[in-house]
PDB file of N, CA and C in Angstrom:
ATOM      1  N   MET A   1     -59.391  58.202 217.324  1.00  0.00           N
ATOM      2  CA  MET A   1     -58.934  59.612 217.538  1.00  0.00           C
ATOM      3  C   MET A   1     -59.639  60.531 216.593  1.00  0.00           C
ATOM      4  N   LYS A   2     -60.056  61.663 216.999  1.00  0.00           N
ATOM      5  CA  LYS A   2     -60.710  62.617 216.120  1.00  0.00           C
ATOM      6  C   LYS A   2     -59.754  63.752 215.681  1.00  0.00           C
ATOM      7  N   ILE A   3     -59.691  63.863 214.308  1.00  0.00           N
ATOM      8  CA  ILE A   3     -58.808  64.881 213.740  1.00  0.00           C
ATOM      9  C   ILE A   3     -59.715  65.946 213.060  1.00  0.00           C
ATOM     10  N   CYS A   4     -59.528  67.231 213.419  1.00  0.00           N
ATOM     11  CA  CYS A   4     -60.260  68.308 212.791  1.00  0.00           C
ATOM     12  C   CYS A   4     -59.419  69.049 211.756  1.00  0.00           C
ATOM     13  N   ILE A   5     -60.045  69.196 210.612  1.00  0.00           N
ATOM     14  CA  ILE A   5     -59.316  69.895 209.501  1.00  0.00           C
ATOM     15  C   ILE A   5     -60.183  71.116 209.130  1.00  0.00           C
ATOM     16  N   THR A   6     -59.559  72.310 209.108  1.00  0.00           N
ATOM     17  CA  THR A   6     -60.331  73.517 208.688  1.00  0.00           C
ATOM     18  C   THR A   6     -60.519  73.412 207.150  1.00  0.00           C
ATOM     19  N   SER A   7     -61.794  73.660 206.737  1.00  0.00           N
ATOM     20  CA  SER A   7     -62.157  73.398 205.359  1.00  0.00           C
ATOM     21  C   SER A   7     -62.971  74.528 204.743  1.00  0.00           C
ATOM     22  N   SER A   8     -62.837  74.701 203.411  1.00  0.00           N
ATOM     23  CA  SER A   8     -63.646  75.599 202.710  1.00  0.00           C
ATOM     24  C   SER A   8     -64.922  75.001 202.157  1.00  0.00           C
ATOM     25  N   GLY A   9     -65.022  73.678 202.279  1.00  0.00           N
ATOM     26  CA  GLY A   9     -66.250  72.962 201.798  1.00  0.00           C
ATOM     27  C   GLY A   9     -66.626  71.825 202.687  1.00  0.00           C
ATOM     28  N   LYS A  10     -67.669  71.081 202.250  1.00  0.00           N
ATOM     29  CA  LYS A  10     -68.227  70.056 203.088  1.00  0.00           C
ATOM     30  C   LYS A  10     -67.670  68.657 202.729  1.00  0.00           C
ATOM     31  N   GLU A  11     -66.798  68.576 201.814  1.00  0.00           N
ATOM     32  CA  GLU A  11     -66.290  67.260 201.320  1.00  0.00           C
ATOM     33  C   GLU A  11     -64.840  67.046 201.715  1.00  0.00           C
ATOM     34  N   MET A  12     -64.381  65.761 201.737  1.00  0.00           N
ATOM     35  CA  MET A  12     -63.033  65.486 202.032  1.00  0.00           C
ATOM     36  C   MET A  12     -62.090  65.951 200.913  1.00  0.00           C
ATOM     37  N   GLY A  13     -62.664  66.190 199.748  1.00  0.00           N
ATOM     38  CA  GLY A  13     -61.914  66.734 198.615  1.00  0.00           C
ATOM     39  C   GLY A  13     -61.859  68.243 198.571  1.00  0.00           C
ATOM     40  N   SER A  14     -62.523  68.901 199.505  1.00  0.00           N
ATOM     41  CA  SER A  14     -62.512  70.360 199.621  1.00  0.00           C
ATOM     42  C   SER A  14     -61.139  70.824 199.975  1.00  0.00           C
ATOM     43  N   ALA A  15     -60.840  72.089 199.645  1.00  0.00           N
ATOM     44  CA  ALA A  15     -59.568  72.706 199.992  1.00  0.00           C
ATOM     45  C   ALA A  15     -59.565  72.994 201.505  1.00  0.00           C
ATOM     46  N   VAL A  16     -58.361  72.785 202.101  1.00  0.00           N
ATOM     47  CA  VAL A  16     -58.160  73.193 203.500  1.00  0.00           C
ATOM     48  C   VAL A  16     -58.256  74.740 203.522  1.00  0.00           C
ATOM     49  N   ASP A  17     -58.992  75.235 204.435  1.00  0.00           N
ATOM     50  CA  ASP A  17     -59.054  76.672 204.706  1.00  0.00           C
ATOM     51  C   ASP A  17     -57.911  77.006 205.617  1.00  0.00           C
ATOM     52  N   LEU A  18     -56.978  77.851 205.203  1.00  0.00           N
ATOM     53  CA  LEU A  18     -55.798  78.086 206.000  1.00  0.00           C
ATOM     54  C   LEU A  18     -56.020  78.979 207.271  1.00  0.00           C
ATOM     55  N   ARG A  19     -57.240  79.494 207.363  1.00  0.00           N
ATOM     56  CA  ARG A  19     -57.585  80.334 208.501  1.00  0.00           C
ATOM     57  C   ARG A  19     -58.319  79.432 209.508  1.00  0.00           C
ATOM     58  N   PHE A  20     -57.962  79.514 210.781  1.00  0.00           N
ATOM     59  CA  PHE A  20     -58.690  78.670 211.727  1.00  0.00           C
ATOM     60  C   PHE A  20     -59.953  79.360 212.162  1.00  0.00           C
ATOM     61  N   GLY A  21     -59.860  80.498 212.815  1.00  0.00           N
ATOM     62  CA  GLY A  21     -61.071  81.173 213.405  1.00  0.00           C
ATOM     63  C   GLY A  21     -62.095  81.543 212.389  1.00  0.00           C
ATOM     64  N   ARG A  22     -61.730  81.841 211.192  1.00  0.00           N
ATOM     65  CA  ARG A  22     -62.660  82.306 210.113  1.00  0.00           C
ATOM     66  C   ARG A  22     -62.936  81.228 209.020  1.00  0.00           C
ATOM     67  N   CYS A  23     -62.477  79.987 209.275  1.00  0.00           N
ATOM     68  CA  CYS A  23     -62.786  78.956 208.288  1.00  0.00           C
ATOM     69  C   CYS A  23     -64.280  78.759 208.165  1.00  0.00           C
ATOM     70  N   LYS A  24     -64.695  78.227 206.992  1.00  0.00           N
ATOM     71  CA  LYS A  24     -66.166  78.013 206.814  1.00  0.00           C
ATOM     72  C   LYS A  24     -66.656  76.774 207.553  1.00  0.00           C
ATOM     73  N   TYR A  25     -65.820  75.684 207.481  1.00  0.00           N
ATOM     74  CA  TYR A  25     -66.287  74.388 208.048  1.00  0.00           C
ATOM     75  C   TYR A  25     -65.109  73.718 208.793  1.00  0.00           C
ATOM     76  N   PHE A  26     -65.516  72.824 209.654  1.00  0.00           N
ATOM     77  CA  PHE A  26     -64.634  71.871 210.313  1.00  0.00           C
ATOM     78  C   PHE A  26     -65.003  70.460 209.846  1.00  0.00           C
ATOM     79  N   CYS A  27     -64.018  69.784 209.221  1.00  0.00           N
ATOM     80  CA  CYS A  27     -64.208  68.372 208.831  1.00  0.00           C
ATOM     81  C   CYS A  27     -63.571  67.588 210.002  1.00  0.00           C
ATOM     82  N   ILE A  28     -64.395  66.789 210.734  1.00  0.00           N
ATOM     83  CA  ILE A  28     -63.880  66.039 211.781  1.00  0.00           C
ATOM     84  C   ILE A  28     -63.804  64.588 211.362  1.00  0.00           C
ATOM     85  N   TYR A  29     -62.595  64.079 211.321  1.00  0.00           N
ATOM     86  CA  TYR A  29     -62.396  62.710 210.757  1.00  0.00           C
ATOM     87  C   TYR A  29     -62.058  61.837 211.991  1.00  0.00           C
ATOM     88  N   ASP A  30     -62.794  60.756 212.120  1.00  0.00           N
ATOM     89  CA  ASP A  30     -62.553  59.744 213.164  1.00  0.00           C
ATOM     90  C   ASP A  30     -61.666  58.615 212.626  1.00  0.00           C
ATOM     91  N   THR A  31     -60.466  58.491 213.088  1.00  0.00           N
ATOM     92  CA  THR A  31     -59.502  57.478 212.582  1.00  0.00           C
ATOM     93  C   THR A  31     -59.926  56.066 212.920  1.00  0.00           C
ATOM     94  N   GLU A  32     -60.759  55.852 213.945  1.00  0.00           N
ATOM     95  CA  GLU A  32     -61.246  54.519 214.237  1.00  0.00           C
ATOM     96  C   GLU A  32     -62.380  54.057 213.367  1.00  0.00           C
ATOM     97  N   SER A  33     -63.387  54.866 213.207  1.00  0.00           N
ATOM     98  CA  SER A  33     -64.608  54.519 212.433  1.00  0.00           C
ATOM     99  C   SER A  33     -64.390  54.920 210.939  1.00  0.00           C
ATOM    100  N   ARG A  34     -63.441  55.750 210.630  1.00  0.00           N
ATOM    101  CA  ARG A  34     -63.152  56.245 209.253  1.00  0.00           C
ATOM    102  C   ARG A  34     -64.371  57.041 208.780  1.00  0.00           C
ATOM    103  N   GLU A  35     -65.098  57.672 209.653  1.00  0.00           N
ATOM    104  CA  GLU A  35     -66.270  58.526 209.334  1.00  0.00           C
ATOM    105  C   GLU A  35     -65.860  59.928 209.423  1.00  0.00           C
ATOM    106  N   THR A  36     -66.537  60.789 208.682  1.00  0.00           N
ATOM    107  CA  THR A  36     -66.253  62.232 208.673  1.00  0.00           C
ATOM    108  C   THR A  36     -67.563  62.945 209.072  1.00  0.00           C
ATOM    109  N   LYS A  37     -67.422  63.878 209.941  1.00  0.00           N
ATOM    110  CA  LYS A  37     -68.543  64.751 210.371  1.00  0.00           C
ATOM    111  C   LYS A  37     -68.161  66.190 209.962  1.00  0.00           C
ATOM    112  N   VAL A  38     -69.091  66.924 209.294  1.00  0.00           N
ATOM    113  CA  VAL A  38     -68.777  68.295 208.901  1.00  0.00           C
ATOM    114  C   VAL A  38     -69.637  69.212 209.735  1.00  0.00           C
ATOM    115  N   LEU A  39     -69.059  70.255 210.306  1.00  0.00           N
ATOM    116  CA  LEU A  39     -69.721  71.271 211.077  1.00  0.00           C
ATOM    117  C   LEU A  39     -69.465  72.610 210.506  1.00  0.00           C
ATOM    118  N   GLU A  40     -70.437  73.521 210.500  1.00  0.00           N
ATOM    119  CA  GLU A  40     -70.161  74.912 210.184  1.00  0.00           C
ATOM    120  C   GLU A  40     -69.448  75.543 211.331  1.00  0.00           C
ATOM    121  N   ASN A  41     -68.500  76.397 211.033  1.00  0.00           N
ATOM    122  CA  ASN A  41     -67.843  77.094 212.097  1.00  0.00           C
ATOM    123  C   ASN A  41     -68.675  78.196 212.658  1.00  0.00           C
ATOM    124  N   ALA A  42     -69.215  77.989 213.866  1.00  0.00           N
ATOM    125  CA  ALA A  42     -70.122  78.955 214.429  1.00  0.00           C
ATOM    126  C   ALA A  42     -69.556  80.322 214.637  1.00  0.00           C
ATOM    127  N   GLY A  43     -68.203  80.452 214.768  1.00  0.00           N
ATOM    128  CA  GLY A  43     -67.601  81.713 215.019  1.00  0.00           C
ATOM    129  C   GLY A  43     -67.089  82.427 213.817  1.00  0.00           C
ATOM    130  N   ALA A  44     -67.274  81.834 212.601  1.00  0.00           N
ATOM    131  CA  ALA A  44     -66.672  82.395 211.391  1.00  0.00           C
ATOM    132  C   ALA A  44     -67.070  83.815 211.126  1.00  0.00           C
ATOM    133  N   TYR A  45     -68.294  84.175 211.421  1.00  0.00           N
ATOM    134  CA  TYR A  45     -68.793  85.521 211.010  1.00  0.00           C
ATOM    135  C   TYR A  45     -69.030  86.390 212.259  1.00  0.00           C
ATOM    136  N   SER A  46     -68.442  86.030 213.360  1.00  0.00           N
ATOM    137  CA  SER A  46     -68.614  86.846 214.573  1.00  0.00           C
ATOM    138  C   SER A  46     -67.797  88.148 214.464  1.00  0.00           C
ATOM    139  N   GLN A  47     -68.211  89.158 215.128  1.00  0.00           N
ATOM    140  CA  GLN A  47     -67.538  90.413 215.122  1.00  0.00           C
ATOM    141  C   GLN A  47     -66.211  90.349 215.750  1.00  0.00           C
ATOM    142  N   GLY A  48     -66.066  89.600 216.761  1.00  0.00           N
ATOM    143  CA  GLY A  48     -64.802  89.424 217.493  1.00  0.00           C
ATOM    144  C   GLY A  48     -64.736  88.111 218.204  1.00  0.00           C
ATOM    145  N   GLY A  49     -63.552  87.682 218.554  1.00  0.00           N
ATOM    146  CA  GLY A  49     -63.426  86.427 219.269  1.00  0.00           C
ATOM    147  C   GLY A  49     -63.741  85.121 218.456  1.00  0.00           C
ATOM    148  N   ALA A  50     -63.493  85.260 217.101  1.00  0.00           N
ATOM    149  CA  ALA A  50     -63.767  84.122 216.267  1.00  0.00           C
ATOM    150  C   ALA A  50     -62.875  82.954 216.620  1.00  0.00           C
ATOM    151  N   GLY A  51     -61.639  83.176 216.880  1.00  0.00           N
ATOM    152  CA  GLY A  51     -60.655  82.170 217.209  1.00  0.00           C
ATOM    153  C   GLY A  51     -61.061  81.399 218.459  1.00  0.00           C
ATOM    154  N   ILE A  52     -61.438  82.171 219.521  1.00  0.00           N
ATOM    155  CA  ILE A  52     -61.843  81.579 220.715  1.00  0.00           C
ATOM    156  C   ILE A  52     -63.126  80.689 220.532  1.00  0.00           C
ATOM    157  N   ALA A  53     -64.093  81.206 219.882  1.00  0.00           N
ATOM    158  CA  ALA A  53     -65.349  80.494 219.579  1.00  0.00           C
ATOM    159  C   ALA A  53     -65.098  79.200 218.814  1.00  0.00           C
ATOM    160  N   ALA A  54     -64.257  79.300 217.799  1.00  0.00           N
ATOM    161  CA  ALA A  54     -63.891  78.200 216.965  1.00  0.00           C
ATOM    162  C   ALA A  54     -63.145  77.116 217.800  1.00  0.00           C
ATOM    163  N   ALA A  55     -62.213  77.591 218.666  1.00  0.00           N
ATOM    164  CA  ALA A  55     -61.431  76.659 219.440  1.00  0.00           C
ATOM    165  C   ALA A  55     -62.388  75.877 220.396  1.00  0.00           C
ATOM    166  N   GLN A  56     -63.284  76.618 221.004  1.00  0.00           N
ATOM    167  CA  GLN A  56     -64.212  75.939 221.980  1.00  0.00           C
ATOM    168  C   GLN A  56     -65.042  74.963 221.264  1.00  0.00           C
ATOM    169  N   GLN A  57     -65.523  75.263 220.046  1.00  0.00           N
ATOM    170  CA  GLN A  57     -66.339  74.343 219.234  1.00  0.00           C
ATOM    171  C   GLN A  57     -65.571  73.037 218.988  1.00  0.00           C
ATOM    172  N   VAL A  58     -64.297  73.153 218.597  1.00  0.00           N
ATOM    173  CA  VAL A  58     -63.425  72.022 218.318  1.00  0.00           C
ATOM    174  C   VAL A  58     -63.237  71.212 219.627  1.00  0.00           C
ATOM    175  N   VAL A  59     -62.961  71.866 220.708  1.00  0.00           N
ATOM    176  CA  VAL A  59     -62.760  71.184 222.013  1.00  0.00           C
ATOM    177  C   VAL A  59     -63.984  70.412 222.368  1.00  0.00           C
ATOM    178  N   ASP A  60     -65.192  71.050 222.238  1.00  0.00           N
ATOM    179  CA  ASP A  60     -66.433  70.427 222.511  1.00  0.00           C
ATOM    180  C   ASP A  60     -66.726  69.180 221.795  1.00  0.00           C
ATOM    181  N   GLU A  61     -66.135  69.053 220.602  1.00  0.00           N
ATOM    182  CA  GLU A  61     -66.318  67.867 219.808  1.00  0.00           C
ATOM    183  C   GLU A  61     -65.388  66.754 220.122  1.00  0.00           C
ATOM    184  N   GLY A  62     -64.513  66.964 221.101  1.00  0.00           N
ATOM    185  CA  GLY A  62     -63.569  65.922 221.566  1.00  0.00           C
ATOM    186  C   GLY A  62     -62.415  65.696 220.600  1.00  0.00           C
ATOM    187  N   VAL A  63     -62.109  66.704 219.857  1.00  0.00           N
ATOM    188  CA  VAL A  63     -60.971  66.611 218.890  1.00  0.00           C
ATOM    189  C   VAL A  63     -59.638  66.516 219.642  1.00  0.00           C
ATOM    190  N   GLU A  64     -58.751  65.699 219.114  1.00  0.00           N
ATOM    191  CA  GLU A  64     -57.386  65.545 219.704  1.00  0.00           C
ATOM    192  C   GLU A  64     -56.306  66.206 218.862  1.00  0.00           C
ATOM    193  N   VAL A  65     -56.575  66.330 217.554  1.00  0.00           N
ATOM    194  CA  VAL A  65     -55.541  66.877 216.621  1.00  0.00           C
ATOM    195  C   VAL A  65     -56.301  67.824 215.715  1.00  0.00           C
ATOM    196  N   LEU A  66     -55.676  68.985 215.469  1.00  0.00           N
ATOM    197  CA  LEU A  66     -56.222  69.951 214.566  1.00  0.00           C
ATOM    198  C   LEU A  66     -55.188  70.213 213.444  1.00  0.00           C
ATOM    199  N   ILE A  67     -55.696  70.212 212.224  1.00  0.00           N
ATOM    200  CA  ILE A  67     -54.856  70.509 211.047  1.00  0.00           C
ATOM    201  C   ILE A  67     -55.427  71.808 210.379  1.00  0.00           C
ATOM    202  N   THR A  68     -54.568  72.803 210.333  1.00  0.00           N
ATOM    203  CA  THR A  68     -54.977  74.046 209.712  1.00  0.00           C
ATOM    204  C   THR A  68     -53.756  74.789 209.107  1.00  0.00           C
ATOM    205  N   GLY A  69     -53.946  76.011 208.711  1.00  0.00           N
ATOM    206  CA  GLY A  69     -52.795  76.748 208.180  1.00  0.00           C
ATOM    207  C   GLY A  69     -52.186  77.635 209.294  1.00  0.00           C
ATOM    208  N   ASN A  70     -53.058  78.393 209.974  1.00  0.00           N
ATOM    209  CA  ASN A  70     -52.574  79.376 211.002  1.00  0.00           C
ATOM    210  C   ASN A  70     -53.514  79.359 212.174  1.00  0.00           C
ATOM    211  N   LEU A  71     -52.946  79.715 213.342  1.00  0.00           N
ATOM    212  CA  LEU A  71     -53.672  79.855 214.643  1.00  0.00           C
ATOM    213  C   LEU A  71     -53.348  81.203 215.201  1.00  0.00           C
ATOM    214  N   GLY A  72     -54.355  81.890 215.633  1.00  0.00           N
ATOM    215  CA  GLY A  72     -54.100  83.071 216.408  1.00  0.00           C
ATOM    216  C   GLY A  72     -53.782  82.807 217.908  1.00  0.00           C
ATOM    217  N   PRO A  73     -53.369  83.805 218.590  1.00  0.00           N
ATOM    218  CA  PRO A  73     -52.866  83.561 220.016  1.00  0.00           C
ATOM    219  C   PRO A  73     -54.004  83.059 220.920  1.00  0.00           C
ATOM    220  N   ASN A  74     -55.195  83.600 220.842  1.00  0.00           N
ATOM    221  CA  ASN A  74     -56.246  83.218 221.744  1.00  0.00           C
ATOM    222  C   ASN A  74     -56.731  81.791 221.500  1.00  0.00           C
ATOM    223  N   ALA A  75     -56.894  81.501 220.186  1.00  0.00           N
ATOM    224  CA  ALA A  75     -57.253  80.089 219.874  1.00  0.00           C
ATOM    225  C   ALA A  75     -56.225  79.072 220.288  1.00  0.00           C
ATOM    226  N   MET A  76     -54.952  79.486 220.108  1.00  0.00           N
ATOM    227  CA  MET A  76     -53.891  78.530 220.481  1.00  0.00           C
ATOM    228  C   MET A  76     -53.945  78.288 221.989  1.00  0.00           C
ATOM    229  N   ARG A  77     -54.165  79.311 222.704  1.00  0.00           N
ATOM    230  CA  ARG A  77     -54.264  79.184 224.219  1.00  0.00           C
ATOM    231  C   ARG A  77     -55.377  78.221 224.570  1.00  0.00           C
ATOM    232  N   VAL A  78     -56.562  78.375 224.017  1.00  0.00           N
ATOM    233  CA  VAL A  78     -57.683  77.521 224.386  1.00  0.00           C
ATOM    234  C   VAL A  78     -57.346  76.054 223.945  1.00  0.00           C
ATOM    235  N   LEU A  79     -56.866  75.881 222.750  1.00  0.00           N
ATOM    236  CA  LEU A  79     -56.565  74.523 222.294  1.00  0.00           C
ATOM    237  C   LEU A  79     -55.496  73.871 223.161  1.00  0.00           C
ATOM    238  N   LYS A  80     -54.406  74.557 223.429  1.00  0.00           N
ATOM    239  CA  LYS A  80     -53.364  74.028 224.275  1.00  0.00           C
ATOM    240  C   LYS A  80     -53.870  73.626 225.612  1.00  0.00           C
ATOM    241  N   ALA A  81     -54.705  74.445 226.230  1.00  0.00           N
ATOM    242  CA  ALA A  81     -55.257  74.208 227.543  1.00  0.00           C
ATOM    243  C   ALA A  81     -56.114  72.903 227.532  1.00  0.00           C
ATOM    244  N   ALA A  82     -56.665  72.636 226.421  1.00  0.00           N
ATOM    245  CA  ALA A  82     -57.548  71.417 226.300  1.00  0.00           C
ATOM    246  C   ALA A  82     -56.787  70.203 225.812  1.00  0.00           C
ATOM    247  N   GLY A  83     -55.472  70.381 225.516  1.00  0.00           N
ATOM    248  CA  GLY A  83     -54.652  69.256 225.064  1.00  0.00           C
ATOM    249  C   GLY A  83     -54.765  68.951 223.607  1.00  0.00           C
ATOM    250  N   VAL A  84     -55.317  69.783 222.832  1.00  0.00           N
ATOM    251  CA  VAL A  84     -55.443  69.607 221.349  1.00  0.00           C
ATOM    252  C   VAL A  84     -54.107  69.940 220.730  1.00  0.00           C
ATOM    253  N   LYS A  85     -53.575  69.046 219.919  1.00  0.00           N
ATOM    254  CA  LYS A  85     -52.312  69.213 219.260  1.00  0.00           C
ATOM    255  C   LYS A  85     -52.616  69.791 217.830  1.00  0.00           C
ATOM    256  N   ALA A  86     -51.936  70.870 217.495  1.00  0.00           N
ATOM    257  CA  ALA A  86     -52.199  71.602 216.194  1.00  0.00           C
ATOM    258  C   ALA A  86     -51.043  71.410 215.270  1.00  0.00           C
ATOM    259  N   TYR A  87     -51.354  71.131 213.966  1.00  0.00           N
ATOM    260  CA  TYR A  87     -50.386  70.881 212.919  1.00  0.00           C
ATOM    261  C   TYR A  87     -50.694  71.831 211.761  1.00  0.00           C
ATOM    262  N   ARG A  88     -49.589  72.286 211.109  1.00  0.00           N
ATOM    263  CA  ARG A  88     -49.713  73.208 209.997  1.00  0.00           C
ATOM    264  C   ARG A  88     -49.687  72.444 208.674  1.00  0.00           C
ATOM    265  N   THR A  89     -50.513  72.884 207.724  1.00  0.00           N
ATOM    266  CA  THR A  89     -50.482  72.414 206.361  1.00  0.00           C
ATOM    267  C   THR A  89     -50.454  73.583 205.384  1.00  0.00           C
ATOM    268  N   GLU A  90     -50.017  73.319 204.250  1.00  0.00           N
ATOM    269  CA  GLU A  90     -50.050  74.253 203.155  1.00  0.00           C
ATOM    270  C   GLU A  90     -51.323  74.046 202.366  1.00  0.00           C
ATOM    271  N   GLU A  91     -51.512  74.734 201.324  1.00  0.00           N
ATOM    272  CA  GLU A  91     -52.760  74.558 200.541  1.00  0.00           C
ATOM    273  C   GLU A  91     -52.755  73.152 199.988  1.00  0.00           C
ATOM    274  N   THR A  92     -53.791  72.419 200.304  1.00  0.00           N
ATOM    275  CA  THR A  92     -54.020  71.086 199.889  1.00  0.00           C
ATOM    276  C   THR A  92     -55.520  70.752 200.147  1.00  0.00           C
ATOM    277  N   ASP A  93     -55.924  69.534 199.824  1.00  0.00           N
ATOM    278  CA  ASP A  93     -57.348  69.210 200.217  1.00  0.00           C
ATOM    279  C   ASP A  93     -57.354  68.484 201.538  1.00  0.00           C
ATOM    280  N   VAL A  94     -58.563  68.393 202.039  1.00  0.00           N
ATOM    281  CA  VAL A  94     -58.711  67.790 203.393  1.00  0.00           C
ATOM    282  C   VAL A  94     -58.221  66.388 203.475  1.00  0.00           C
ATOM    283  N   ALA A  95     -58.588  65.561 202.537  1.00  0.00           N
ATOM    284  CA  ALA A  95     -58.176  64.148 202.543  1.00  0.00           C
ATOM    285  C   ALA A  95     -56.626  63.966 202.467  1.00  0.00           C
ATOM    286  N   ARG A  96     -56.024  64.800 201.727  1.00  0.00           N
ATOM    287  CA  ARG A  96     -54.500  64.745 201.626  1.00  0.00           C
ATOM    288  C   ARG A  96     -53.894  65.176 202.911  1.00  0.00           C
ATOM    289  N   ALA A  97     -54.490  66.246 203.535  1.00  0.00           N
ATOM    290  CA  ALA A  97     -53.945  66.747 204.845  1.00  0.00           C
ATOM    291  C   ALA A  97     -53.991  65.630 205.854  1.00  0.00           C
ATOM    292  N   VAL A  98     -55.073  64.850 205.895  1.00  0.00           N
ATOM    293  CA  VAL A  98     -55.133  63.724 206.814  1.00  0.00           C
ATOM    294  C   VAL A  98     -54.069  62.676 206.511  1.00  0.00           C
ATOM    295  N   MET A  99     -53.877  62.345 205.264  1.00  0.00           N
ATOM    296  CA  MET A  99     -52.875  61.349 204.884  1.00  0.00           C
ATOM    297  C   MET A  99     -51.487  61.888 205.254  1.00  0.00           C
ATOM    298  N   MET A 100     -51.204  63.110 205.094  1.00  0.00           N
ATOM    299  CA  MET A 100     -49.903  63.738 205.431  1.00  0.00           C
ATOM    300  C   MET A 100     -49.701  63.628 206.960  1.00  0.00           C
ATOM    301  N   TYR A 101     -50.791  63.908 207.721  1.00  0.00           N
ATOM    302  CA  TYR A 101     -50.680  63.804 209.204  1.00  0.00           C
ATOM    303  C   TYR A 101     -50.368  62.381 209.598  1.00  0.00           C
ATOM    304  N   GLU A 102     -51.058  61.427 209.027  1.00  0.00           N
ATOM    305  CA  GLU A 102     -50.899  60.017 209.398  1.00  0.00           C
ATOM    306  C   GLU A 102     -49.473  59.530 208.965  1.00  0.00           C
ATOM    307  N   ALA A 103     -48.908  60.103 207.927  1.00  0.00           N
ATOM    308  CA  ALA A 103     -47.585  59.781 207.473  1.00  0.00           C
ATOM    309  C   ALA A 103     -46.489  60.474 208.236  1.00  0.00           C
ATOM    310  N   GLY A 104     -46.869  61.379 209.210  1.00  0.00           N
ATOM    311  CA  GLY A 104     -45.859  62.175 209.965  1.00  0.00           C
ATOM    312  C   GLY A 104     -45.230  63.283 209.169  1.00  0.00           C
ATOM    313  N   GLN A 105     -45.937  63.769 208.152  1.00  0.00           N
ATOM    314  CA  GLN A 105     -45.345  64.786 207.286  1.00  0.00           C
ATOM    315  C   GLN A 105     -45.760  66.208 207.584  1.00  0.00           C
ATOM    316  N   LEU A 106     -46.555  66.420 208.641  1.00  0.00           N
ATOM    317  CA  LEU A 106     -46.946  67.782 209.037  1.00  0.00           C
ATOM    318  C   LEU A 106     -46.142  68.221 210.202  1.00  0.00           C
ATOM    319  N   GLN A 107     -45.845  69.505 210.256  1.00  0.00           N
ATOM    320  CA  GLN A 107     -45.130  70.081 211.406  1.00  0.00           C
ATOM    321  C   GLN A 107     -46.088  70.682 212.450  1.00  0.00           C
ATOM    322  N   PRO A 108     -45.748  70.509 213.761  1.00  0.00           N
ATOM    323  CA  PRO A 108     -46.634  71.097 214.778  1.00  0.00           C
ATOM    324  C   PRO A 108     -46.601  72.600 214.678  1.00  0.00           C
ATOM    325  N   ILE A 109     -47.705  73.240 215.025  1.00  0.00           N
ATOM    326  CA  ILE A 109     -47.731  74.688 215.069  1.00  0.00           C
ATOM    327  C   ILE A 109     -47.183  75.052 216.498  1.00  0.00           C
ATOM    328  N   GLU A 110     -46.030  75.703 216.502  1.00  0.00           N
ATOM    329  CA  GLU A 110     -45.337  76.070 217.693  1.00  0.00           C
ATOM    330  C   GLU A 110     -45.713  77.459 218.205  1.00  0.00           C
ATOM    331  N   SER A 111     -45.985  78.441 217.252  1.00  0.00           N
ATOM    332  CA  SER A 111     -46.312  79.743 217.701  1.00  0.00           C
ATOM    333  C   SER A 111     -47.437  80.250 216.889  1.00  0.00           C
ATOM    334  N   PRO A 112     -48.233  81.202 217.455  1.00  0.00           N
ATOM    335  CA  PRO A 112     -49.411  81.724 216.696  1.00  0.00           C
ATOM    336  C   PRO A 112     -49.038  82.866 215.754  1.00  0.00           C
ATOM    337  N   VAL A 113     -49.927  83.142 214.818  1.00  0.00           N
ATOM    338  CA  VAL A 113     -49.768  84.323 214.014  1.00  0.00           C
ATOM    339  C   VAL A 113     -50.342  85.486 214.779  1.00  0.00           C
ATOM    340  N   SER A 114     -50.250  86.683 214.288  1.00  0.00           N
ATOM    341  CA  SER A 114     -50.840  87.827 215.020  1.00  0.00           C
ATOM    342  C   SER A 114     -52.324  87.753 215.007  1.00  0.00           C
ATOM    343  N   ALA A 115     -52.948  88.342 216.049  1.00  0.00           N
ATOM    344  CA  ALA A 115     -54.352  88.375 216.152  1.00  0.00           C
ATOM    345  C   ALA A 115     -54.928  89.037 214.942  1.00  0.00           C
ATOM    346  N   HIS A 116     -56.100  88.651 214.482  1.00  0.00           N
ATOM    347  CA  HIS A 116     -56.776  89.164 213.286  1.00  0.00           C
ATOM    348  C   HIS A 116     -56.097  88.828 211.999  1.00  0.00           C
ATOM    349  N   HIS A 117     -55.124  87.913 211.960  1.00  0.00           N
ATOM    350  CA  HIS A 117     -54.489  87.456 210.740  1.00  0.00           C
ATOM    351  C   HIS A 117     -55.510  86.889 209.733  1.00  0.00           C
ATOM    352  N   GLY A 118     -56.483  86.152 210.249  1.00  0.00           N
ATOM    353  CA  GLY A 118     -57.471  85.528 209.411  1.00  0.00           C
ATOM    354  C   GLY A 118     -58.479  86.502 208.749  1.00  0.00           C
ATOM    355  N   MET A 119     -58.487  87.736 209.250  1.00  0.00           N
ATOM    356  CA  MET A 119     -59.354  88.745 208.624  1.00  0.00           C
ATOM    357  C   MET A 119     -58.854  89.246 207.327  1.00  0.00           C
ATOM    358  N   GLN A 120     -57.615  88.761 206.929  1.00  0.00           N
ATOM    359  CA  GLN A 120     -57.001  89.158 205.688  1.00  0.00           C
ATOM    360  C   GLN A 120     -57.445  88.313 204.498  1.00  0.00           C
ATOM    361  N   ASN A 121     -58.498  87.518 204.686  1.00  0.00           N
ATOM    362  CA  ASN A 121     -59.095  86.697 203.633  1.00  0.00           C
ATOM    363  C   ASN A 121     -58.107  85.683 203.005  1.00  0.00           C
ATOM    364  N   LYS A 122     -57.339  85.039 203.887  1.00  0.00           N
ATOM    365  CA  LYS A 122     -56.386  84.025 203.401  1.00  0.00           C
ATOM    366  C   LYS A 122     -57.001  82.705 203.454  1.00  0.00           C
ATOM    367  N   ARG A 123     -57.755  82.268 202.452  1.00  0.00           N
ATOM    368  CA  ARG A 123     -58.521  81.090 202.461  1.00  0.00           C
ATOM    369  C   ARG A 123     -57.785  79.994 201.661  1.00  0.00           C
ATOM    370  N   GLY A 124     -58.283  78.751 201.905  1.00  0.00           N
ATOM    371  CA  GLY A 124     -57.765  77.705 201.119  1.00  0.00           C
ATOM    372  C   GLY A 124     -58.665  77.356 199.948  1.00  0.00           C
ATOM    373  N   ASP A 125     -59.782  78.111 199.790  1.00  0.00           N
ATOM    374  CA  ASP A 125     -60.658  77.711 198.629  1.00  0.00           C
ATOM    375  C   ASP A 125     -60.070  78.253 197.291  1.00  0.00           C
ATOM    376  N   LYS A 126     -60.339  77.507 196.293  1.00  0.00           N
ATOM    377  CA  LYS A 126     -59.839  77.810 194.972  1.00  0.00           C
ATOM    378  C   LYS A 126     -60.944  78.041 193.993  1.00  0.00           C
TER     379      LYS A 126
END
């Protein structure tokens, strides 16, 4: 199974970026191979539609689970339609977020934040 974690950096020890559409990177962790692939978020600096672009990028990678801080309404719609399950984490690092998910300690994201919430510079980097 592929788990995508929004990240402020390219390492498993990087802080989780709590913004989905505007995060810097996606860390995609494969639970079977235990390998991690890091992708730049192609939509991070777009003028509009960052959440939709980010969601499509995640879907195209075959991700089944997303771990992030917040999701906007458009991104949530795209992810739900593709069957991607989203979970919320607080400020932590990427590796710990995966461990928390595997231990059943993360809550599903049931409702989106307002559109443009990520434009308020709420990052997980420290």
